[in-house]
Amino acid sequence: MEPPRVITSAGTDYPVEAFRLTVRRQDLGGGLAVDGEEGTVGVRALVREDGTVGRVDVIASSGSAALDRAAAEAVKRWRFAPATRDGVPIDAYVTLRIRYVVR
């Protein structure tokens, strides 16, 4: 069996709801503190025989609901080359890790 392969992976931008801008009174003259959640999300996705994604489950949380939700929603929009058995496309699961980092 040949496993599914990612063809397009658009939509894994850092989710806005995981980003906070904090202004502390003592920093008003000198700078700002930026807080952003970081982490790696493990997902399991059903790749259908046509390369679209069916069910997506978070199997390893990043510790942030916003990042977990963003990763699952992004993977639902991805396209895959489907898994094949004897050259015939089949439905198959794939496990992925998506890492979110504030830069």
Protein backbone atom coordinates (compact mmCIF):
# COMPACT_ATOMS: atom_id res chain seq x y z
CA MET A 1 0.00 0.00 0.00
CA GLU A 2 1.19 3.50 -0.86
CA PRO A 3 0.20 6.03 1.89
CA PRO A 4 -1.44 9.42 1.21
CA ARG A 5 0.82 12.40 0.35
CA VAL A 6 0.11 16.09 0.93
CA ILE A 7 -0.36 18.04 -2.32
CA THR A 8 -1.47 21.41 -0.92
CA SER A 9 -1.28 22.59 2.67
CA ALA A 10 -2.66 26.13 2.59
CA GLY A 11 -4.35 27.58 5.64
CA THR A 12 -1.93 26.76 8.45
CA ASP A 13 -1.38 30.42 9.26
CA TYR A 14 -1.08 31.33 12.92
CA PRO A 15 -4.62 31.71 14.31
CA VAL A 16 -5.52 35.25 15.35
CA GLU A 17 -7.42 34.07 18.44
CA ALA A 18 -4.18 32.64 19.88
CA PHE A 19 -2.42 36.01 19.75
CA ARG A 20 -2.64 38.67 22.45
CA LEU A 21 -1.07 42.09 22.62
CA THR A 22 -0.47 43.17 26.20
CA VAL A 23 0.41 46.73 27.13
CA ARG A 24 1.69 47.07 30.68
CA ARG A 25 1.42 50.48 32.29
CA GLN A 26 5.13 50.46 33.20
CA ASP A 27 6.01 49.75 29.54
CA LEU A 28 3.96 52.49 27.91
CA GLY A 29 7.04 54.60 27.27
CA GLY A 30 9.47 51.83 26.41
CA GLY A 31 7.83 48.91 24.66
CA LEU A 32 5.16 46.29 24.38
CA ALA A 33 4.89 42.67 25.44
CA VAL A 34 3.50 40.27 22.87
CA ASP A 35 2.00 36.99 24.05
CA GLY A 36 1.33 34.25 21.54
CA GLU A 37 0.54 30.63 22.17
CA GLU A 38 2.94 28.11 20.66
CA GLY A 39 2.78 24.38 20.29
CA THR A 40 2.53 21.32 18.11
CA VAL A 41 -0.80 19.75 17.24
CA GLY A 42 -1.09 16.10 16.27
CA VAL A 43 -3.98 15.31 13.93
CA ARG A 44 -5.33 12.17 12.31
CA ALA A 45 -7.17 12.72 9.02
CA LEU A 46 -9.16 10.46 6.75
CA VAL A 47 -7.95 11.04 3.19
CA ARG A 48 -10.61 9.93 0.76
CA GLU A 49 -9.87 8.16 -2.51
CA ASP A 50 -10.38 11.47 -4.38
CA GLY A 51 -7.72 13.27 -2.27
CA THR A 52 -10.15 15.30 -0.18
CA VAL A 53 -10.16 15.14 3.59
CA GLY A 54 -13.00 13.60 5.55
CA ARG A 55 -12.85 13.38 9.30
CA VAL A 56 -10.04 15.15 11.20
CA ASP A 57 -9.34 14.38 14.86
CA VAL A 58 -6.86 16.07 17.19
CA ILE A 59 -4.89 13.19 18.69
CA ALA A 60 -2.24 15.24 20.50
CA SER A 61 -3.22 18.65 21.83
CA SER A 62 -0.84 21.58 21.78
CA GLY A 63 -2.35 22.70 25.08
CA SER A 64 -4.14 25.54 23.28
CA ALA A 65 -7.73 25.11 22.10
CA ALA A 66 -7.18 27.87 19.51
CA LEU A 67 -4.15 26.14 17.96
CA ASP A 68 -5.83 22.72 18.02
CA ARG A 69 -8.93 24.11 16.31
CA ALA A 70 -6.85 26.01 13.71
CA ALA A 71 -4.83 22.91 12.80
CA ALA A 72 -7.92 20.70 12.40
CA GLU A 73 -9.70 23.33 10.27
CA ALA A 74 -6.62 23.83 8.08
CA VAL A 75 -6.13 20.12 7.40
CA LYS A 76 -9.78 19.85 6.31
CA ARG A 77 -8.89 22.19 3.41
CA TRP A 78 -5.75 20.37 2.32
CA ARG A 79 -5.56 18.20 -0.79
CA PHE A 80 -3.74 14.87 -0.92
CA ALA A 81 -2.60 12.33 -3.42
CA PRO A 82 -4.67 9.44 -2.05
CA ALA A 83 -3.32 6.18 -0.75
CA THR A 84 -3.30 3.37 -3.29
CA ARG A 85 -3.48 -0.38 -3.14
CA ASP A 86 -2.37 -2.21 -6.27
CA GLY A 87 -2.50 1.14 -8.09
CA VAL A 88 -6.13 1.81 -7.11
CA PRO A 89 -6.93 4.89 -4.93
CA ILE A 90 -8.38 4.02 -1.52
CA ASP A 91 -9.52 5.83 1.63
CA ALA A 92 -6.80 5.87 4.29
CA TYR A 93 -5.83 7.69 7.47
CA VAL A 94 -2.75 9.87 7.78
CA THR A 95 -1.19 11.27 10.96
CA LEU A 96 0.32 14.76 10.85
CA ARG A 97 2.02 17.17 13.24
CA ILE A 98 1.50 20.92 12.78
CA ARG A 99 3.78 23.29 14.69
CA TYR A 100 2.81 26.86 15.53
CA VAL A 101 5.59 29.28 16.52
CA VAL A 102 5.42 33.02 17.17
CA ARG A 103 8.24 34.81 15.34
